[in-house]
Amino acid sequence: MSDDYHIRKGVEADLPTVLELIKELAIYERALHEVSNTIEMMKRDGFGEEPVFGFLVAVSSETGRIVGLSLYYYRYSTWKGKRLYLEDLIVTESERGKGVGKLLMDHTIEFGKSQNCTGMMWQALDWNEPALNFYKLYGATFDSEWVNCHLDFA
């Protein structure tokens, strides 16, 4: 399986495919109408003077196509210190169940460790049983005590 896919750091030229994967996830999560991100925004925010995110991609060895994505950024916990925040782990539908998600997750964890992070955090929808079951394989802790909050500026 590891010969079928390889993981590499994302580059600016990957952004059109990255946006396609983001939209595919939004469709799965029934929220495509909420996607307002653009390639130009991602260029600025990921490859500008002060990048605020990074990403890894899973590439099919057979086709050379990007089939998965792990998008992350750093956050700082007053209790724990530097943490890696996994914004999204996406595998295109046709490649799910083939181990791509595990490769991405494993590489993301190793990346976080290499950056001296004290751990990794992320969110999952409570109805997304496949994702929740996947994260259980890693011994993830599920927190029902905290309420997610957000404020949109635009």
C-alpha atoms as a PDB file:
ATOM      1  CA  MET A   1       0.000   0.000   0.000  1.00  0.00           C
ATOM      2  CA  SER A   2       2.780   2.469   0.819  1.00  0.00           C
ATOM      3  CA  ASP A   3       4.113   1.920  -2.706  1.00  0.00           C
ATOM      4  CA  ASP A   4       0.732   2.956  -4.133  1.00  0.00           C
ATOM      5  CA  TYR A   5       0.857   6.444  -2.578  1.00  0.00           C
ATOM      6  CA  HIS A   6       3.463   8.836  -1.314  1.00  0.00           C
ATOM      7  CA  ILE A   7       3.142  11.811   0.998  1.00  0.00           C
ATOM      8  CA  ARG A   8       4.901  15.099   0.362  1.00  0.00           C
ATOM      9  CA  LYS A   9       4.744  18.690   1.556  1.00  0.00           C
ATOM     10  CA  GLY A  10       2.262  20.753  -0.422  1.00  0.00           C
ATOM     11  CA  VAL A  11       3.458  23.427  -2.833  1.00  0.00           C
ATOM     12  CA  GLU A  12       1.743  26.453  -4.353  1.00  0.00           C
ATOM     13  CA  ALA A  13       1.078  24.629  -7.641  1.00  0.00           C
ATOM     14  CA  ASP A  14      -1.102  22.153  -5.686  1.00  0.00           C
ATOM     15  CA  LEU A  15      -3.626  24.807  -4.646  1.00  0.00           C
ATOM     16  CA  PRO A  16      -6.197  24.273  -7.445  1.00  0.00           C
ATOM     17  CA  THR A  17      -6.426  20.580  -6.513  1.00  0.00           C
ATOM     18  CA  VAL A  18      -6.449  21.455  -2.820  1.00  0.00           C
ATOM     19  CA  LEU A  19      -9.458  23.724  -3.368  1.00  0.00           C
ATOM     20  CA  GLU A  20     -11.208  20.921  -5.279  1.00  0.00           C
ATOM     21  CA  LEU A  21     -10.652  18.574  -2.325  1.00  0.00           C
ATOM     22  CA  ILE A  22     -11.922  21.223   0.098  1.00  0.00           C
ATOM     23  CA  LYS A  23     -15.085  21.584  -1.964  1.00  0.00           C
ATOM     24  CA  GLU A  24     -15.505  17.803  -2.142  1.00  0.00           C
ATOM     25  CA  LEU A  25     -15.356  17.675   1.662  1.00  0.00           C
ATOM     26  CA  ALA A  26     -17.830  20.559   1.919  1.00  0.00           C
ATOM     27  CA  ILE A  27     -20.266  18.655  -0.298  1.00  0.00           C
ATOM     28  CA  TYR A  28     -19.874  15.573   1.922  1.00  0.00           C
ATOM     29  CA  GLU A  29     -20.490  17.741   4.988  1.00  0.00           C
ATOM     30  CA  ARG A  30     -23.523  19.359   3.315  1.00  0.00           C
ATOM     31  CA  ALA A  31     -21.957  22.819   3.454  1.00  0.00           C
ATOM     32  CA  LEU A  32     -20.626  23.726  -0.001  1.00  0.00           C
ATOM     33  CA  HIS A  33     -22.449  27.057   0.248  1.00  0.00           C
ATOM     34  CA  GLU A  34     -20.122  27.984   3.141  1.00  0.00           C
ATOM     35  CA  VAL A  35     -16.896  27.717   1.119  1.00  0.00           C
ATOM     36  CA  SER A  36     -15.673  31.206   0.263  1.00  0.00           C
ATOM     37  CA  ASN A  37     -11.942  30.445   0.140  1.00  0.00           C
ATOM     38  CA  THR A  38     -10.107  31.050  -3.146  1.00  0.00           C
ATOM     39  CA  ILE A  39      -6.810  30.035  -4.679  1.00  0.00           C
ATOM     40  CA  GLU A  40      -5.639  33.648  -4.351  1.00  0.00           C
ATOM     41  CA  MET A  41      -6.426  33.666  -0.630  1.00  0.00           C
ATOM     42  CA  MET A  42      -4.611  30.367  -0.157  1.00  0.00           C
ATOM     43  CA  LYS A  43      -1.575  31.672  -2.072  1.00  0.00           C
ATOM     44  CA  ARG A  44      -1.402  34.703   0.209  1.00  0.00           C
ATOM     45  CA  ASP A  45      -2.131  32.797   3.414  1.00  0.00           C
ATOM     46  CA  GLY A  46       0.016  29.739   2.719  1.00  0.00           C
ATOM     47  CA  PHE A  47       2.853  31.115   0.623  1.00  0.00           C
ATOM     48  CA  GLY A  48       2.956  34.848   1.359  1.00  0.00           C
ATOM     49  CA  GLU A  49       5.270  36.765   3.674  1.00  0.00           C
ATOM     50  CA  GLU A  50       3.694  35.304   6.811  1.00  0.00           C
ATOM     51  CA  PRO A  51       2.237  31.862   6.029  1.00  0.00           C
ATOM     52  CA  VAL A  52      -0.500  30.789   8.424  1.00  0.00           C
ATOM     53  CA  PHE A  53      -1.021  27.222   7.218  1.00  0.00           C
ATOM     54  CA  GLY A  54       0.799  24.329   5.623  1.00  0.00           C
ATOM     55  CA  PHE A  55      -0.304  21.058   4.102  1.00  0.00           C
ATOM     56  CA  LEU A  56       0.739  17.596   3.101  1.00  0.00           C
ATOM     57  CA  VAL A  57      -0.626  15.822   0.043  1.00  0.00           C
ATOM     58  CA  ALA A  58      -1.067  12.155  -0.773  1.00  0.00           C
ATOM     59  CA  VAL A  59      -0.134  11.398  -4.370  1.00  0.00           C
ATOM     60  CA  SER A  60      -1.071   8.271  -6.299  1.00  0.00           C
ATOM     61  CA  SER A  61       2.095   6.574  -7.532  1.00  0.00           C
ATOM     62  CA  GLU A  62       0.120   5.165 -10.459  1.00  0.00           C
ATOM     63  CA  THR A  63      -1.471   8.370 -11.776  1.00  0.00           C
ATOM     64  CA  GLY A  64       0.552  11.148 -10.135  1.00  0.00           C
ATOM     65  CA  ARG A  65      -2.740  12.706  -9.000  1.00  0.00           C
ATOM     66  CA  ILE A  66      -3.216  14.256  -5.584  1.00  0.00           C
ATOM     67  CA  VAL A  67      -5.797  12.077  -3.828  1.00  0.00           C
ATOM     68  CA  GLY A  68      -5.619  13.385  -0.276  1.00  0.00           C
ATOM     69  CA  LEU A  69      -4.756  16.358   1.871  1.00  0.00           C
ATOM     70  CA  SER A  70      -3.812  17.159   5.440  1.00  0.00           C
ATOM     71  CA  LEU A  71      -4.064  20.906   6.109  1.00  0.00           C
ATOM     72  CA  TYR A  72      -2.657  22.166   9.405  1.00  0.00           C
ATOM     73  CA  TYR A  73      -1.552  25.218  11.318  1.00  0.00           C
ATOM     74  CA  TYR A  74      -0.120  25.959  14.733  1.00  0.00           C
ATOM     75  CA  ARG A  75      -2.072  27.051  17.749  1.00  0.00           C
ATOM     76  CA  TYR A  76      -0.868  27.843  21.190  1.00  0.00           C
ATOM     77  CA  SER A  77      -2.373  26.388  24.334  1.00  0.00           C
ATOM     78  CA  THR A  78      -1.803  28.276  27.563  1.00  0.00           C
ATOM     79  CA  TRP A  79      -1.837  24.888  29.287  1.00  0.00           C
ATOM     80  CA  LYS A  80       0.072  22.724  26.801  1.00  0.00           C
ATOM     81  CA  GLY A  81       2.197  25.043  24.642  1.00  0.00           C
ATOM     82  CA  LYS A  82       2.650  24.679  20.882  1.00  0.00           C
ATOM     83  CA  ARG A  83       0.049  22.389  19.288  1.00  0.00           C
ATOM     84  CA  LEU A  84      -0.576  21.336  15.715  1.00  0.00           C
ATOM     85  CA  TYR A  85      -4.149  21.960  14.625  1.00  0.00           C
ATOM     86  CA  LEU A  86      -5.360  19.610  11.916  1.00  0.00           C
ATOM     87  CA  GLU A  87      -7.915  21.695  10.047  1.00  0.00           C
ATOM     88  CA  ASP A  88      -8.851  19.005   7.551  1.00  0.00           C
ATOM     89  CA  LEU A  89      -7.857  15.496   6.600  1.00  0.00           C
ATOM     90  CA  ILE A  90      -9.418  14.811   3.209  1.00  0.00           C
ATOM     91  CA  VAL A  91      -9.239  11.766   0.963  1.00  0.00           C
ATOM     92  CA  THR A  92     -11.059  11.906  -2.349  1.00  0.00           C
ATOM     93  CA  GLU A  93     -14.022   9.550  -2.350  1.00  0.00           C
ATOM     94  CA  SER A  94     -12.631   7.113  -4.932  1.00  0.00           C
ATOM     95  CA  GLU A  95      -9.521   6.495  -2.782  1.00  0.00           C
ATOM     96  CA  ARG A  96     -11.187   6.073   0.619  1.00  0.00           C
ATOM     97  CA  GLY A  97     -10.633   2.774   2.376  1.00  0.00           C
ATOM     98  CA  LYS A  98      -7.231   2.222   0.758  1.00  0.00           C
ATOM     99  CA  GLY A  99      -5.045   3.485   3.608  1.00  0.00           C
ATOM    100  CA  VAL A 100      -4.495   7.005   2.276  1.00  0.00           C
ATOM    101  CA  GLY A 101      -6.000   8.619   5.367  1.00  0.00           C
ATOM    102  CA  LYS A 102      -3.755   6.571   7.643  1.00  0.00           C
ATOM    103  CA  LEU A 103      -0.666   7.588   5.655  1.00  0.00           C
ATOM    104  CA  LEU A 104      -1.671  11.252   5.870  1.00  0.00           C
ATOM    105  CA  MET A 105      -2.484  11.049   9.567  1.00  0.00           C
ATOM    106  CA  ASP A 106       0.760   9.240  10.390  1.00  0.00           C
ATOM    107  CA  HIS A 107       2.837  11.766   8.430  1.00  0.00           C
ATOM    108  CA  THR A 108       0.975  14.690  10.012  1.00  0.00           C
ATOM    109  CA  ILE A 109       1.645  13.318  13.505  1.00  0.00           C
ATOM    110  CA  GLU A 110       5.327  12.833  12.680  1.00  0.00           C
ATOM    111  CA  PHE A 111       5.494  16.346  11.242  1.00  0.00           C
ATOM    112  CA  GLY A 112       3.984  17.778  14.441  1.00  0.00           C
ATOM    113  CA  LYS A 113       6.520  15.915  16.545  1.00  0.00           C
ATOM    114  CA  SER A 114       9.361  17.182  14.334  1.00  0.00           C
ATOM    115  CA  GLN A 115       8.132  20.746  14.949  1.00  0.00           C
ATOM    116  CA  ASN A 116       8.253  20.275  18.738  1.00  0.00           C
ATOM    117  CA  CYS A 117       4.488  20.344  19.108  1.00  0.00           C
ATOM    118  CA  THR A 118       3.108  18.896  22.335  1.00  0.00           C
ATOM    119  CA  GLY A 119       0.155  17.306  20.545  1.00  0.00           C
ATOM    120  CA  MET A 120      -2.406  17.683  17.806  1.00  0.00           C
ATOM    121  CA  MET A 121      -6.011  18.803  17.878  1.00  0.00           C
ATOM    122  CA  TRP A 122      -8.874  18.708  15.405  1.00  0.00           C
ATOM    123  CA  GLN A 123     -12.648  18.570  15.150  1.00  0.00           C
ATOM    124  CA  ALA A 124     -15.003  16.044  13.622  1.00  0.00           C
ATOM    125  CA  LEU A 125     -18.713  16.232  13.026  1.00  0.00           C
ATOM    126  CA  ASP A 126     -20.654  14.125  15.517  1.00  0.00           C
ATOM    127  CA  TRP A 127     -22.528  12.340  12.708  1.00  0.00           C
ATOM    128  CA  ASN A 128     -19.390  11.415  10.727  1.00  0.00           C
ATOM    129  CA  GLU A 129     -19.050   7.864  12.065  1.00  0.00           C
ATOM    130  CA  PRO A 130     -16.334   6.794   9.588  1.00  0.00           C
ATOM    131  CA  ALA A 131     -14.122   9.690  10.697  1.00  0.00           C
ATOM    132  CA  LEU A 132     -14.841   9.157  14.395  1.00  0.00           C
ATOM    133  CA  ASN A 133     -14.057   5.450  14.122  1.00  0.00           C
ATOM    134  CA  PHE A 134     -10.832   6.261  12.252  1.00  0.00           C
ATOM    135  CA  TYR A 135      -9.717   8.683  14.981  1.00  0.00           C
ATOM    136  CA  LYS A 136     -10.519   6.094  17.664  1.00  0.00           C
ATOM    137  CA  LEU A 137      -7.821   3.886  16.113  1.00  0.00           C
ATOM    138  CA  TYR A 138      -5.318   6.561  17.193  1.00  0.00           C
ATOM    139  CA  GLY A 139      -6.643   6.706  20.743  1.00  0.00           C
ATOM    140  CA  ALA A 140      -8.034  10.205  20.193  1.00  0.00           C
ATOM    141  CA  THR A 141      -9.865  11.832  23.076  1.00  0.00           C
ATOM    142  CA  PHE A 142     -13.360  13.125  22.309  1.00  0.00           C
ATOM    143  CA  ASP A 143     -14.374  16.154  24.311  1.00  0.00           C
ATOM    144  CA  SER A 144     -18.067  16.727  24.958  1.00  0.00           C
ATOM    145  CA  GLU A 145     -17.433  19.417  27.550  1.00  0.00           C
ATOM    146  CA  TRP A 146     -16.437  22.306  25.272  1.00  0.00           C
ATOM    147  CA  VAL A 147     -18.724  24.207  22.919  1.00  0.00           C
ATOM    148  CA  ASN A 148     -17.322  25.339  19.574  1.00  0.00           C
ATOM    149  CA  CYS A 149     -17.666  29.069  19.014  1.00  0.00           C
ATOM    150  CA  HIS A 150     -16.872  31.224  16.019  1.00  0.00           C
ATOM    151  CA  LEU A 151     -17.371  34.775  14.821  1.00  0.00           C
ATOM    152  CA  ASP A 152     -17.437  35.619  11.114  1.00  0.00           C
ATOM    153  CA  PHE A 153     -15.966  38.965  10.081  1.00  0.00           C
ATOM    154  CA  ALA A 154     -17.358  38.991   6.551  1.00  0.00           C
END
